[in-house]
Amino acid sequence: MGIVRDSLPPVPEDKEIRAKNRARNEEQKKVKEDKKAKVARKVQRREISAKNHREAEKAGVAPPPLLRPRSRR
């Protein structure tokens, strides 16, 4: 059987770097989640708009305008 070596003691500079990286990663994760939530809200609004449009057409009423994504220029 082999001998297990102890790990090196933590270096204070490494601890500070890890803390900064962790904070930055959390910020990036929050931004990413916010973008996903925004996309989900837009999709839901589009679905509701399309549903209202179909229902208005069935009822013979002038349909409300559809929400369409803006073109990227």
N, C-alpha and C. Protein backbone atom coordinates (compact mmCIF):
# COMPACT_ATOMS: atom_id res chain seq x y z
N MET A 1 0.84 -1.18 0.00
CA MET A 1 0.00 0.00 0.00
C MET A 1 0.88 1.25 0.00
N GLY A 2 0.36 2.26 -0.68
CA GLY A 2 1.11 3.50 -0.78
C GLY A 2 0.81 4.44 0.38
N ILE A 3 1.61 5.43 0.48
CA ILE A 3 1.44 6.43 1.53
C ILE A 3 0.66 7.61 0.94
N VAL A 4 -0.32 8.10 1.72
CA VAL A 4 -1.11 9.24 1.28
C VAL A 4 -0.46 10.51 1.80
N ARG A 5 -0.21 11.43 0.89
CA ARG A 5 0.42 12.69 1.29
C ARG A 5 -0.65 13.70 1.70
N ASP A 6 -0.30 14.52 2.64
CA ASP A 6 -1.18 15.61 3.03
C ASP A 6 -1.13 16.69 1.94
N SER A 7 -2.24 17.39 1.75
CA SER A 7 -2.25 18.46 0.77
C SER A 7 -1.49 19.65 1.34
N LEU A 8 -1.06 20.51 0.44
CA LEU A 8 -0.33 21.71 0.86
C LEU A 8 -1.27 22.64 1.62
N PRO A 9 -0.72 23.42 2.53
CA PRO A 9 -1.58 24.36 3.26
C PRO A 9 -2.14 25.42 2.30
N PRO A 10 -3.35 25.92 2.57
CA PRO A 10 -3.94 26.91 1.67
C PRO A 10 -3.12 28.21 1.65
N VAL A 11 -3.05 28.81 0.49
CA VAL A 11 -2.32 30.06 0.32
C VAL A 11 -3.35 31.19 0.36
N PRO A 12 -3.11 32.21 1.19
CA PRO A 12 -4.10 33.29 1.32
C PRO A 12 -4.45 33.96 -0.02
N GLU A 13 -3.46 34.11 -0.91
CA GLU A 13 -3.72 34.75 -2.19
C GLU A 13 -4.70 33.91 -3.02
N ASP A 14 -4.52 32.58 -2.96
CA ASP A 14 -5.43 31.70 -3.69
C ASP A 14 -6.86 31.82 -3.17
N LYS A 15 -6.97 31.97 -1.86
CA LYS A 15 -8.28 32.10 -1.25
C LYS A 15 -8.98 33.36 -1.76
N GLU A 16 -8.23 34.46 -1.86
CA GLU A 16 -8.80 35.71 -2.35
C GLU A 16 -9.21 35.58 -3.82
N ILE A 17 -8.37 34.94 -4.62
CA ILE A 17 -8.67 34.76 -6.05
C ILE A 17 -9.92 33.90 -6.22
N ARG A 18 -10.01 32.82 -5.44
CA ARG A 18 -11.19 31.95 -5.52
C ARG A 18 -12.45 32.70 -5.13
N ALA A 19 -12.36 33.55 -4.12
CA ALA A 19 -13.53 34.33 -3.69
C ALA A 19 -13.97 35.30 -4.79
N LYS A 20 -13.00 35.95 -5.46
CA LYS A 20 -13.33 36.87 -6.55
C LYS A 20 -13.97 36.10 -7.70
N ASN A 21 -13.39 34.95 -8.04
CA ASN A 21 -13.94 34.13 -9.13
C ASN A 21 -15.35 33.66 -8.81
N ARG A 22 -15.57 33.25 -7.58
CA ARG A 22 -16.88 32.77 -7.16
C ARG A 22 -17.91 33.90 -7.29
N ALA A 23 -17.55 35.11 -6.86
CA ALA A 23 -18.46 36.25 -6.94
C ALA A 23 -18.77 36.58 -8.40
N ARG A 24 -17.75 36.57 -9.26
CA ARG A 24 -17.95 36.86 -10.67
C ARG A 24 -18.85 35.80 -11.32
N ASN A 25 -18.62 34.54 -10.98
CA ASN A 25 -19.44 33.46 -11.53
C ASN A 25 -20.90 33.59 -11.10
N GLU A 26 -21.12 33.98 -9.86
CA GLU A 26 -22.49 34.18 -9.38
C GLU A 26 -23.18 35.30 -10.15
N GLU A 27 -22.44 36.39 -10.41
CA GLU A 27 -23.00 37.50 -11.17
C GLU A 27 -23.36 37.05 -12.59
N GLN A 28 -22.46 36.30 -13.22
CA GLN A 28 -22.70 35.82 -14.58
C GLN A 28 -23.90 34.88 -14.61
N LYS A 29 -24.03 34.05 -13.59
CA LYS A 29 -25.16 33.11 -13.51
C LYS A 29 -26.47 33.88 -13.39
N LYS A 30 -26.47 34.96 -12.59
CA LYS A 30 -27.67 35.76 -12.41
C LYS A 30 -28.06 36.43 -13.73
N VAL A 31 -27.08 36.97 -14.44
CA VAL A 31 -27.35 37.61 -15.73
C VAL A 31 -27.94 36.60 -16.70
N LYS A 32 -27.37 35.40 -16.72
CA LYS A 32 -27.84 34.35 -17.62
C LYS A 32 -29.28 33.96 -17.27
N GLU A 33 -29.58 33.81 -15.98
CA GLU A 33 -30.93 33.46 -15.56
C GLU A 33 -31.92 34.56 -15.91
N ASP A 34 -31.49 35.83 -15.77
CA ASP A 34 -32.36 36.95 -16.13
C ASP A 34 -32.68 36.94 -17.62
N LYS A 35 -31.69 36.64 -18.45
CA LYS A 35 -31.91 36.57 -19.89
C LYS A 35 -32.89 35.44 -20.22
N LYS A 36 -32.73 34.28 -19.58
CA LYS A 36 -33.63 33.16 -19.82
C LYS A 36 -35.06 33.52 -19.42
N ALA A 37 -35.20 34.21 -18.28
CA ALA A 37 -36.53 34.60 -17.81
C ALA A 37 -37.16 35.58 -18.78
N LYS A 38 -36.37 36.51 -19.31
CA LYS A 38 -36.89 37.49 -20.26
C LYS A 38 -37.37 36.80 -21.53
N VAL A 39 -36.59 35.84 -22.03
CA VAL A 39 -36.99 35.09 -23.23
C VAL A 39 -38.27 34.32 -22.96
N ALA A 40 -38.38 33.71 -21.79
CA ALA A 40 -39.57 32.94 -21.44
C ALA A 40 -40.81 33.85 -21.39
N ARG A 41 -40.65 35.04 -20.85
CA ARG A 41 -41.78 36.00 -20.79
C ARG A 41 -42.21 36.40 -22.20
N LYS A 42 -41.23 36.64 -23.08
CA LYS A 42 -41.55 37.03 -24.45
C LYS A 42 -42.28 35.90 -25.18
N VAL A 43 -41.83 34.67 -24.99
CA VAL A 43 -42.47 33.52 -25.62
C VAL A 43 -43.90 33.39 -25.12
N GLN A 44 -44.09 33.55 -23.83
CA GLN A 44 -45.43 33.44 -23.26
C GLN A 44 -46.35 34.53 -23.81
N ARG A 45 -45.85 35.76 -23.91
CA ARG A 45 -46.66 36.85 -24.47
C ARG A 45 -47.04 36.54 -25.92
N ARG A 46 -46.08 36.00 -26.69
CA ARG A 46 -46.35 35.68 -28.09
C ARG A 46 -47.42 34.60 -28.20
N GLU A 47 -47.34 33.58 -27.32
CA GLU A 47 -48.33 32.50 -27.34
C GLU A 47 -49.72 33.03 -27.00
N ILE A 48 -49.81 33.89 -26.01
CA ILE A 48 -51.10 34.47 -25.62
C ILE A 48 -51.65 35.31 -26.76
N SER A 49 -50.79 36.09 -27.40
CA SER A 49 -51.21 36.92 -28.51
C SER A 49 -51.75 36.07 -29.66
N ALA A 50 -51.06 34.99 -29.97
CA ALA A 50 -51.49 34.11 -31.05
C ALA A 50 -52.84 33.45 -30.70
N LYS A 51 -52.99 33.06 -29.45
CA LYS A 51 -54.25 32.45 -29.00
C LYS A 51 -55.40 33.44 -29.13
N ASN A 52 -55.18 34.68 -28.69
CA ASN A 52 -56.23 35.71 -28.80
C ASN A 52 -56.56 35.97 -30.27
N HIS A 53 -55.56 35.96 -31.11
CA HIS A 53 -55.75 36.19 -32.54
C HIS A 53 -56.63 35.08 -33.14
N ARG A 54 -56.32 33.84 -32.81
CA ARG A 54 -57.11 32.70 -33.32
C ARG A 54 -58.55 32.76 -32.82
N GLU A 55 -58.72 33.08 -31.54
CA GLU A 55 -60.08 33.15 -30.97
C GLU A 55 -60.89 34.26 -31.63
N ALA A 56 -60.26 35.39 -31.91
CA ALA A 56 -60.96 36.50 -32.54
C ALA A 56 -61.36 36.12 -33.97
N GLU A 57 -60.49 35.40 -34.66
CA GLU A 57 -60.82 34.97 -36.02
C GLU A 57 -62.02 34.01 -36.01
N LYS A 58 -62.05 33.10 -35.03
CA LYS A 58 -63.16 32.16 -34.93
C LYS A 58 -64.47 32.88 -34.65
N ALA A 59 -64.40 33.93 -33.82
CA ALA A 59 -65.61 34.67 -33.44
C ALA A 59 -66.04 35.65 -34.54
N GLY A 60 -65.21 35.84 -35.55
CA GLY A 60 -65.56 36.75 -36.63
C GLY A 60 -65.31 38.21 -36.30
N VAL A 61 -64.53 38.46 -35.29
CA VAL A 61 -64.21 39.82 -34.87
C VAL A 61 -62.85 40.19 -35.47
N ALA A 62 -62.63 41.47 -35.66
CA ALA A 62 -61.33 41.90 -36.16
C ALA A 62 -60.26 41.48 -35.15
N PRO A 63 -59.30 40.68 -35.57
CA PRO A 63 -58.29 40.18 -34.62
C PRO A 63 -57.32 41.27 -34.19
N PRO A 64 -56.85 41.18 -32.96
CA PRO A 64 -55.83 42.13 -32.52
C PRO A 64 -54.53 41.84 -33.26
N PRO A 65 -53.65 42.82 -33.34
CA PRO A 65 -52.39 42.58 -34.05
C PRO A 65 -51.55 41.54 -33.33
N LEU A 66 -50.85 40.73 -34.11
CA LEU A 66 -49.98 39.71 -33.53
C LEU A 66 -48.69 40.34 -33.03
N LEU A 67 -48.18 39.81 -31.94
CA LEU A 67 -46.87 40.24 -31.46
C LEU A 67 -45.83 39.42 -32.19
N ARG A 68 -45.00 40.07 -32.92
CA ARG A 68 -43.96 39.38 -33.67
C ARG A 68 -42.61 39.86 -33.18
N PRO A 69 -41.63 38.99 -33.23
CA PRO A 69 -40.30 39.43 -32.81
C PRO A 69 -39.77 40.48 -33.77
N ARG A 70 -39.05 41.41 -33.22
CA ARG A 70 -38.46 42.47 -34.04
C ARG A 70 -37.31 41.91 -34.84
N SER A 71 -37.17 42.42 -36.05
CA SER A 71 -36.04 41.96 -36.87
C SER A 71 -34.76 42.60 -36.35
N ARG A 72 -33.70 41.86 -36.40
CA ARG A 72 -32.40 42.36 -35.93
C ARG A 72 -31.66 42.95 -37.11
N ARG A 73 -31.36 44.18 -37.03
CA ARG A 73 -30.64 44.85 -38.11
C ARG A 73 -29.31 45.31 -37.66
